[in-house]
Amino acid sequence: MVRGTTSPVKDKNYDLIHALQMSLQHVWQLETYIADADAQGDTELANWFRAMQDNNRKAGDQGKQMLMARMQRENG
């Protein structure tokens, strides 16, 4: 969270959920960038976008696992 702003939700998992959503949204958005680079024949850029997409996908998977574990612990 950025200093000076307050979370609209006072839940300890809010930042995790928001970061997870952002990671997964970036995976989806990067599809457009990859297609654009491929259409222009820019393999270097397309591969860089794919690497970014893979990193976001991994972060999303880790975030989902972390959130699931936290929810299970909280709900018994």
PDB file of N, CA and C in Angstrom:
ATOM      1  N   MET A   1       0.842  -1.170   0.000  1.00  0.00           N
ATOM      2  CA  MET A   1       0.000   0.000   0.000  1.00  0.00           C
ATOM      3  C   MET A   1       0.891   1.238   0.000  1.00  0.00           C
ATOM      4  N   VAL A   2       0.480   2.241  -0.691  1.00  0.00           N
ATOM      5  CA  VAL A   2       1.217   3.503  -0.766  1.00  0.00           C
ATOM      6  C   VAL A   2       0.990   4.281   0.520  1.00  0.00           C
ATOM      7  N   ARG A   3       2.071   4.820   1.056  1.00  0.00           N
ATOM      8  CA  ARG A   3       1.944   5.624   2.273  1.00  0.00           C
ATOM      9  C   ARG A   3       1.021   6.809   2.023  1.00  0.00           C
ATOM     10  N   GLY A   4       0.260   7.140   3.031  1.00  0.00           N
ATOM     11  CA  GLY A   4      -0.627   8.281   2.916  1.00  0.00           C
ATOM     12  C   GLY A   4      -2.013   7.915   2.407  1.00  0.00           C
ATOM     13  N   THR A   5      -2.172   6.695   1.931  1.00  0.00           N
ATOM     14  CA  THR A   5      -3.500   6.247   1.517  1.00  0.00           C
ATOM     15  C   THR A   5      -3.945   5.156   2.468  1.00  0.00           C
ATOM     16  N   THR A   6      -5.220   4.996   2.566  1.00  0.00           N
ATOM     17  CA  THR A   6      -5.735   3.934   3.414  1.00  0.00           C
ATOM     18  C   THR A   6      -6.491   2.934   2.568  1.00  0.00           C
ATOM     19  N   SER A   7      -6.399   1.705   2.974  1.00  0.00           N
ATOM     20  CA  SER A   7      -7.092   0.630   2.275  1.00  0.00           C
ATOM     21  C   SER A   7      -8.596   0.790   2.474  1.00  0.00           C
ATOM     22  N   PRO A   8      -9.371   0.580   1.413  1.00  0.00           N
ATOM     23  CA  PRO A   8     -10.817   0.650   1.582  1.00  0.00           C
ATOM     24  C   PRO A   8     -11.347  -0.518   2.422  1.00  0.00           C
ATOM     25  N   VAL A   9     -10.516  -1.548   2.566  1.00  0.00           N
ATOM     26  CA  VAL A   9     -10.905  -2.723   3.334  1.00  0.00           C
ATOM     27  C   VAL A   9      -9.867  -2.917   4.433  1.00  0.00           C
ATOM     28  N   LYS A  10     -10.315  -3.047   5.653  1.00  0.00           N
ATOM     29  CA  LYS A  10      -9.400  -3.207   6.787  1.00  0.00           C
ATOM     30  C   LYS A  10      -9.173  -4.693   7.065  1.00  0.00           C
ATOM     31  N   ASP A  11      -8.777  -5.419   6.051  1.00  0.00           N
ATOM     32  CA  ASP A  11      -8.564  -6.853   6.160  1.00  0.00           C
ATOM     33  C   ASP A  11      -7.095  -7.139   5.876  1.00  0.00           C
ATOM     34  N   LYS A  12      -6.471  -7.990   6.666  1.00  0.00           N
ATOM     35  CA  LYS A  12      -5.041  -8.246   6.507  1.00  0.00           C
ATOM     36  C   LYS A  12      -4.709  -8.908   5.174  1.00  0.00           C
ATOM     37  N   ASN A  13      -5.673  -9.506   4.515  1.00  0.00           N
ATOM     38  CA  ASN A  13      -5.428 -10.167   3.235  1.00  0.00           C
ATOM     39  C   ASN A  13      -5.748  -9.289   2.030  1.00  0.00           C
ATOM     40  N   TYR A  14      -6.184  -8.065   2.269  1.00  0.00           N
ATOM     41  CA  TYR A  14      -6.584  -7.192   1.164  1.00  0.00           C
ATOM     42  C   TYR A  14      -5.446  -6.978   0.169  1.00  0.00           C
ATOM     43  N   ASP A  15      -4.252  -6.645   0.651  1.00  0.00           N
ATOM     44  CA  ASP A  15      -3.126  -6.397  -0.251  1.00  0.00           C
ATOM     45  C   ASP A  15      -2.767  -7.646  -1.042  1.00  0.00           C
ATOM     46  N   LEU A  16      -2.834  -8.800  -0.399  1.00  0.00           N
ATOM     47  CA  LEU A  16      -2.557 -10.063  -1.094  1.00  0.00           C
ATOM     48  C   LEU A  16      -3.560 -10.283  -2.213  1.00  0.00           C
ATOM     49  N   ILE A  17      -4.823 -10.093  -1.935  1.00  0.00           N
ATOM     50  CA  ILE A  17      -5.868 -10.282  -2.941  1.00  0.00           C
ATOM     51  C   ILE A  17      -5.697  -9.301  -4.091  1.00  0.00           C
ATOM     52  N   HIS A  18      -5.392  -8.057  -3.768  1.00  0.00           N
ATOM     53  CA  HIS A  18      -5.215  -7.040  -4.803  1.00  0.00           C
ATOM     54  C   HIS A  18      -3.996  -7.353  -5.673  1.00  0.00           C
ATOM     55  N   ALA A  19      -2.883  -7.732  -5.064  1.00  0.00           N
ATOM     56  CA  ALA A  19      -1.679  -8.076  -5.827  1.00  0.00           C
ATOM     57  C   ALA A  19      -1.922  -9.309  -6.695  1.00  0.00           C
ATOM     58  N   LEU A  20      -2.665 -10.270  -6.174  1.00  0.00           N
ATOM     59  CA  LEU A  20      -3.021 -11.460  -6.945  1.00  0.00           C
ATOM     60  C   LEU A  20      -3.844 -11.079  -8.162  1.00  0.00           C
ATOM     61  N   GLN A  21      -4.826 -10.233  -7.969  1.00  0.00           N
ATOM     62  CA  GLN A  21      -5.676  -9.785  -9.077  1.00  0.00           C
ATOM     63  C   GLN A  21      -4.842  -9.060 -10.128  1.00  0.00           C
ATOM     64  N   MET A  22      -3.913  -8.220  -9.687  1.00  0.00           N
ATOM     65  CA  MET A  22      -3.080  -7.472 -10.624  1.00  0.00           C
ATOM     66  C   MET A  22      -2.174  -8.412 -11.429  1.00  0.00           C
ATOM     67  N   SER A  23      -1.590  -9.403 -10.770  1.00  0.00           N
ATOM     68  CA  SER A  23      -0.735 -10.362 -11.474  1.00  0.00           C
ATOM     69  C   SER A  23      -1.512 -11.097 -12.546  1.00  0.00           C
ATOM     70  N   LEU A  24      -2.702 -11.568 -12.209  1.00  0.00           N
ATOM     71  CA  LEU A  24      -3.507 -12.306 -13.170  1.00  0.00           C
ATOM     72  C   LEU A  24      -4.008 -11.406 -14.294  1.00  0.00           C
ATOM     73  N   GLN A  25      -4.309 -10.151 -13.972  1.00  0.00           N
ATOM     74  CA  GLN A  25      -4.728  -9.207 -15.007  1.00  0.00           C
ATOM     75  C   GLN A  25      -3.581  -8.942 -15.980  1.00  0.00           C
ATOM     76  N   HIS A  26      -2.362  -8.839 -15.470  1.00  0.00           N
ATOM     77  CA  HIS A  26      -1.213  -8.618 -16.341  1.00  0.00           C
ATOM     78  C   HIS A  26      -0.982  -9.799 -17.270  1.00  0.00           C
ATOM     79  N   VAL A  27      -1.202 -11.022 -16.779  1.00  0.00           N
ATOM     80  CA  VAL A  27      -1.081 -12.203 -17.648  1.00  0.00           C
ATOM     81  C   VAL A  27      -2.010 -12.042 -18.837  1.00  0.00           C
ATOM     82  N   TRP A  28      -3.227 -11.644 -18.577  1.00  0.00           N
ATOM     83  CA  TRP A  28      -4.233 -11.478 -19.625  1.00  0.00           C
ATOM     84  C   TRP A  28      -3.863 -10.320 -20.557  1.00  0.00           C
ATOM     85  N   GLN A  29      -3.462  -9.175 -20.011  1.00  0.00           N
ATOM     86  CA  GLN A  29      -3.128  -8.006 -20.824  1.00  0.00           C
ATOM     87  C   GLN A  29      -1.917  -8.243 -21.713  1.00  0.00           C
ATOM     88  N   LEU A  30      -0.965  -8.994 -21.217  1.00  0.00           N
ATOM     89  CA  LEU A  30       0.243  -9.243 -21.995  1.00  0.00           C
ATOM     90  C   LEU A  30      -0.041 -10.056 -23.264  1.00  0.00           C
ATOM     91  N   GLU A  31      -1.145 -10.771 -23.297  1.00  0.00           N
ATOM     92  CA  GLU A  31      -1.530 -11.482 -24.526  1.00  0.00           C
ATOM     93  C   GLU A  31      -1.641 -10.506 -25.693  1.00  0.00           C
ATOM     94  N   THR A  32      -2.222  -9.340 -25.454  1.00  0.00           N
ATOM     95  CA  THR A  32      -2.361  -8.323 -26.494  1.00  0.00           C
ATOM     96  C   THR A  32      -0.991  -7.834 -26.939  1.00  0.00           C
ATOM     97  N   TYR A  33      -0.115  -7.565 -25.985  1.00  0.00           N
ATOM     98  CA  TYR A  33       1.215  -7.061 -26.322  1.00  0.00           C
ATOM     99  C   TYR A  33       2.014  -8.102 -27.102  1.00  0.00           C
ATOM    100  N   ILE A  34       1.887  -9.366 -26.716  1.00  0.00           N
ATOM    101  CA  ILE A  34       2.572 -10.448 -27.428  1.00  0.00           C
ATOM    102  C   ILE A  34       2.059 -10.538 -28.862  1.00  0.00           C
ATOM    103  N   ALA A  35       0.745 -10.482 -29.013  1.00  0.00           N
ATOM    104  CA  ALA A  35       0.157 -10.554 -30.360  1.00  0.00           C
ATOM    105  C   ALA A  35       0.603  -9.373 -31.215  1.00  0.00           C
ATOM    106  N   ASP A  36       0.650  -8.185 -30.626  1.00  0.00           N
ATOM    107  CA  ASP A  36       1.103  -6.999 -31.360  1.00  0.00           C
ATOM    108  C   ASP A  36       2.552  -7.162 -31.812  1.00  0.00           C
ATOM    109  N   ALA A  37       3.422  -7.604 -30.905  1.00  0.00           N
ATOM    110  CA  ALA A  37       4.838  -7.778 -31.253  1.00  0.00           C
ATOM    111  C   ALA A  37       5.001  -8.862 -32.311  1.00  0.00           C
ATOM    112  N   ASP A  38       4.268  -9.960 -32.169  1.00  0.00           N
ATOM    113  CA  ASP A  38       4.323 -11.029 -33.170  1.00  0.00           C
ATOM    114  C   ASP A  38       3.859 -10.524 -34.533  1.00  0.00           C
ATOM    115  N   ALA A  39       2.790  -9.733 -34.544  1.00  0.00           N
ATOM    116  CA  ALA A  39       2.258  -9.205 -35.804  1.00  0.00           C
ATOM    117  C   ALA A  39       3.259  -8.287 -36.489  1.00  0.00           C
ATOM    118  N   GLN A  40       4.090  -7.626 -35.699  1.00  0.00           N
ATOM    119  CA  GLN A  40       5.115  -6.731 -36.253  1.00  0.00           C
ATOM    120  C   GLN A  40       6.428  -7.465 -36.544  1.00  0.00           C
ATOM    121  N   GLY A  41       6.442  -8.768 -36.243  1.00  0.00           N
ATOM    122  CA  GLY A  41       7.648  -9.563 -36.485  1.00  0.00           C
ATOM    123  C   GLY A  41       8.765  -9.306 -35.488  1.00  0.00           C
ATOM    124  N   ASP A  42       8.431  -8.746 -34.338  1.00  0.00           N
ATOM    125  CA  ASP A  42       9.430  -8.413 -33.324  1.00  0.00           C
ATOM    126  C   ASP A  42       9.510  -9.552 -32.302  1.00  0.00           C
ATOM    127  N   THR A  43      10.266 -10.572 -32.645  1.00  0.00           N
ATOM    128  CA  THR A  43      10.395 -11.754 -31.795  1.00  0.00           C
ATOM    129  C   THR A  43      11.039 -11.426 -30.455  1.00  0.00           C
ATOM    130  N   GLU A  44      12.033 -10.541 -30.480  1.00  0.00           N
ATOM    131  CA  GLU A  44      12.717 -10.167 -29.239  1.00  0.00           C
ATOM    132  C   GLU A  44      11.727  -9.579 -28.233  1.00  0.00           C
ATOM    133  N   LEU A  45      10.903  -8.638 -28.690  1.00  0.00           N
ATOM    134  CA  LEU A  45       9.929  -8.011 -27.803  1.00  0.00           C
ATOM    135  C   LEU A  45       8.858  -9.002 -27.372  1.00  0.00           C
ATOM    136  N   ALA A  46       8.371  -9.813 -28.307  1.00  0.00           N
ATOM    137  CA  ALA A  46       7.352 -10.814 -27.970  1.00  0.00           C
ATOM    138  C   ALA A  46       7.873 -11.779 -26.906  1.00  0.00           C
ATOM    139  N   ASN A  47       9.120 -12.194 -27.041  1.00  0.00           N
ATOM    140  CA  ASN A  47       9.700 -13.115 -26.052  1.00  0.00           C
ATOM    141  C   ASN A  47       9.870 -12.449 -24.697  1.00  0.00           C
ATOM    142  N   TRP A  48      10.202 -11.149 -24.701  1.00  0.00           N
ATOM    143  CA  TRP A  48      10.311 -10.423 -23.439  1.00  0.00           C
ATOM    144  C   TRP A  48       8.951 -10.336 -22.757  1.00  0.00           C
ATOM    145  N   PHE A  49       7.905 -10.041 -23.548  1.00  0.00           N
ATOM    146  CA  PHE A  49       6.558 -10.016 -22.988  1.00  0.00           C
ATOM    147  C   PHE A  49       6.159 -11.394 -22.463  1.00  0.00           C
ATOM    148  N   ARG A  50       6.544 -12.445 -23.171  1.00  0.00           N
ATOM    149  CA  ARG A  50       6.240 -13.810 -22.701  1.00  0.00           C
ATOM    150  C   ARG A  50       6.927 -14.102 -21.369  1.00  0.00           C
ATOM    151  N   ALA A  51       8.170 -13.641 -21.229  1.00  0.00           N
ATOM    152  CA  ALA A  51       8.889 -13.841 -19.966  1.00  0.00           C
ATOM    153  C   ALA A  51       8.184 -13.090 -18.832  1.00  0.00           C
ATOM    154  N   MET A  52       7.746 -11.863 -19.115  1.00  0.00           N
ATOM    155  CA  MET A  52       6.990 -11.104 -18.119  1.00  0.00           C
ATOM    156  C   MET A  52       5.695 -11.830 -17.761  1.00  0.00           C
ATOM    157  N   GLN A  53       5.029 -12.343 -18.781  1.00  0.00           N
ATOM    158  CA  GLN A  53       3.775 -13.057 -18.568  1.00  0.00           C
ATOM    159  C   GLN A  53       4.014 -14.283 -17.696  1.00  0.00           C
ATOM    160  N   ASP A  54       5.093 -15.003 -17.968  1.00  0.00           N
ATOM    161  CA  ASP A  54       5.413 -16.193 -17.178  1.00  0.00           C
ATOM    162  C   ASP A  54       5.678 -15.819 -15.724  1.00  0.00           C
ATOM    163  N   ASN A  55       6.413 -14.722 -15.508  1.00  0.00           N
ATOM    164  CA  ASN A  55       6.669 -14.267 -14.132  1.00  0.00           C
ATOM    165  C   ASN A  55       5.374 -13.901 -13.413  1.00  0.00           C
ATOM    166  N   ASN A  56       4.474 -13.217 -14.113  1.00  0.00           N
ATOM    167  CA  ASN A  56       3.188 -12.852 -13.518  1.00  0.00           C
ATOM    168  C   ASN A  56       2.336 -14.086 -13.252  1.00  0.00           C
ATOM    169  N   ARG A  57       2.404 -15.053 -14.147  1.00  0.00           N
ATOM    170  CA  ARG A  57       1.645 -16.300 -13.947  1.00  0.00           C
ATOM    171  C   ARG A  57       2.158 -17.026 -12.703  1.00  0.00           C
ATOM    172  N   LYS A  58       3.490 -17.095 -12.552  1.00  0.00           N
ATOM    173  CA  LYS A  58       4.078 -17.744 -11.372  1.00  0.00           C
ATOM    174  C   LYS A  58       3.680 -17.007 -10.094  1.00  0.00           C
ATOM    175  N   ALA A  59       3.754 -15.669 -10.139  1.00  0.00           N
ATOM    176  CA  ALA A  59       3.364 -14.878  -8.969  1.00  0.00           C
ATOM    177  C   ALA A  59       1.886 -15.101  -8.644  1.00  0.00           C
ATOM    178  N   GLY A  60       1.059 -15.178  -9.678  1.00  0.00           N
ATOM    179  CA  GLY A  60      -0.365 -15.430  -9.472  1.00  0.00           C
ATOM    180  C   GLY A  60      -0.603 -16.785  -8.831  1.00  0.00           C
ATOM    181  N   ASP A  61       0.110 -17.805  -9.315  1.00  0.00           N
ATOM    182  CA  ASP A  61      -0.032 -19.144  -8.738  1.00  0.00           C
ATOM    183  C   ASP A  61       0.413 -19.163  -7.276  1.00  0.00           C
ATOM    184  N   GLN A  62       1.529 -18.489  -6.990  1.00  0.00           N
ATOM    185  CA  GLN A  62       2.007 -18.420  -5.606  1.00  0.00           C
ATOM    186  C   GLN A  62       1.011 -17.671  -4.722  1.00  0.00           C
ATOM    187  N   GLY A  63       0.470 -16.586  -5.243  1.00  0.00           N
ATOM    188  CA  GLY A  63      -0.506 -15.812  -4.488  1.00  0.00           C
ATOM    189  C   GLY A  63      -1.768 -16.616  -4.199  1.00  0.00           C
ATOM    190  N   LYS A  64      -2.228 -17.385  -5.198  1.00  0.00           N
ATOM    191  CA  LYS A  64      -3.419 -18.221  -4.983  1.00  0.00           C
ATOM    192  C   LYS A  64      -3.164 -19.256  -3.899  1.00  0.00           C
ATOM    193  N   GLN A  65      -1.983 -19.876  -3.926  1.00  0.00           N
ATOM    194  CA  GLN A  65      -1.647 -20.875  -2.911  1.00  0.00           C
ATOM    195  C   GLN A  65      -1.576 -20.244  -1.520  1.00  0.00           C
ATOM    196  N   MET A  66      -0.943 -19.067  -1.453  1.00  0.00           N
ATOM    197  CA  MET A  66      -0.821 -18.380  -0.175  1.00  0.00           C
ATOM    198  C   MET A  66      -2.190 -17.987   0.366  1.00  0.00           C
ATOM    199  N   LEU A  67      -3.047 -17.454  -0.499  1.00  0.00           N
ATOM    200  CA  LEU A  67      -4.378 -17.051  -0.069  1.00  0.00           C
ATOM    201  C   LEU A  67      -5.187 -18.259   0.386  1.00  0.00           C
ATOM    202  N   MET A  68      -5.094 -19.356  -0.362  1.00  0.00           N
ATOM    203  CA  MET A  68      -5.827 -20.560   0.013  1.00  0.00           C
ATOM    204  C   MET A  68      -5.390 -21.066   1.393  1.00  0.00           C
ATOM    205  N   ALA A  69      -4.084 -21.099   1.610  1.00  0.00           N
ATOM    206  CA  ALA A  69      -3.564 -21.567   2.903  1.00  0.00           C
ATOM    207  C   ALA A  69      -4.024 -20.658   4.027  1.00  0.00           C
ATOM    208  N   ARG A  70      -3.979 -19.354   3.802  1.00  0.00           N
ATOM    209  CA  ARG A  70      -4.416 -18.408   4.840  1.00  0.00           C
ATOM    210  C   ARG A  70      -5.903 -18.566   5.137  1.00  0.00           C
ATOM    211  N   MET A  71      -6.707 -18.734   4.121  1.00  0.00           N
ATOM    212  CA  MET A  71      -8.145 -18.878   4.333  1.00  0.00           C
ATOM    213  C   MET A  71      -8.461 -20.181   5.067  1.00  0.00           C
ATOM    214  N   GLN A  72      -7.742 -21.232   4.741  1.00  0.00           N
ATOM    215  CA  GLN A  72      -7.949 -22.510   5.443  1.00  0.00           C
ATOM    216  C   GLN A  72      -7.571 -22.391   6.907  1.00  0.00           C
ATOM    217  N   ARG A  73      -6.450 -21.726   7.185  1.00  0.00           N
ATOM    218  CA  ARG A  73      -6.036 -21.551   8.596  1.00  0.00           C
ATOM    219  C   ARG A  73      -7.060 -20.730   9.373  1.00  0.00           C
ATOM    220  N   GLU A  74      -7.579 -19.696   8.728  1.00  0.00           N
ATOM    221  CA  GLU A  74      -8.539 -18.813   9.408  1.00  0.00           C
ATOM    222  C   GLU A  74      -9.894 -19.481   9.612  1.00  0.00           C
ATOM    223  N   ASN A  75     -10.241 -20.378   8.713  1.00  0.00           N
ATOM    224  CA  ASN A  75     -11.558 -21.018   8.789  1.00  0.00           C
ATOM    225  C   ASN A  75     -11.506 -22.410   9.400  1.00  0.00           C
ATOM    226  N   GLY A  76     -10.366 -22.789   9.923  1.00  0.00           N
ATOM    227  CA  GLY A  76     -10.219 -24.056  10.616  1.00  0.00           C
ATOM    228  C   GLY A  76     -10.128 -25.172   9.708  1.00  0.00           C
TER     229      GLY A  76
END
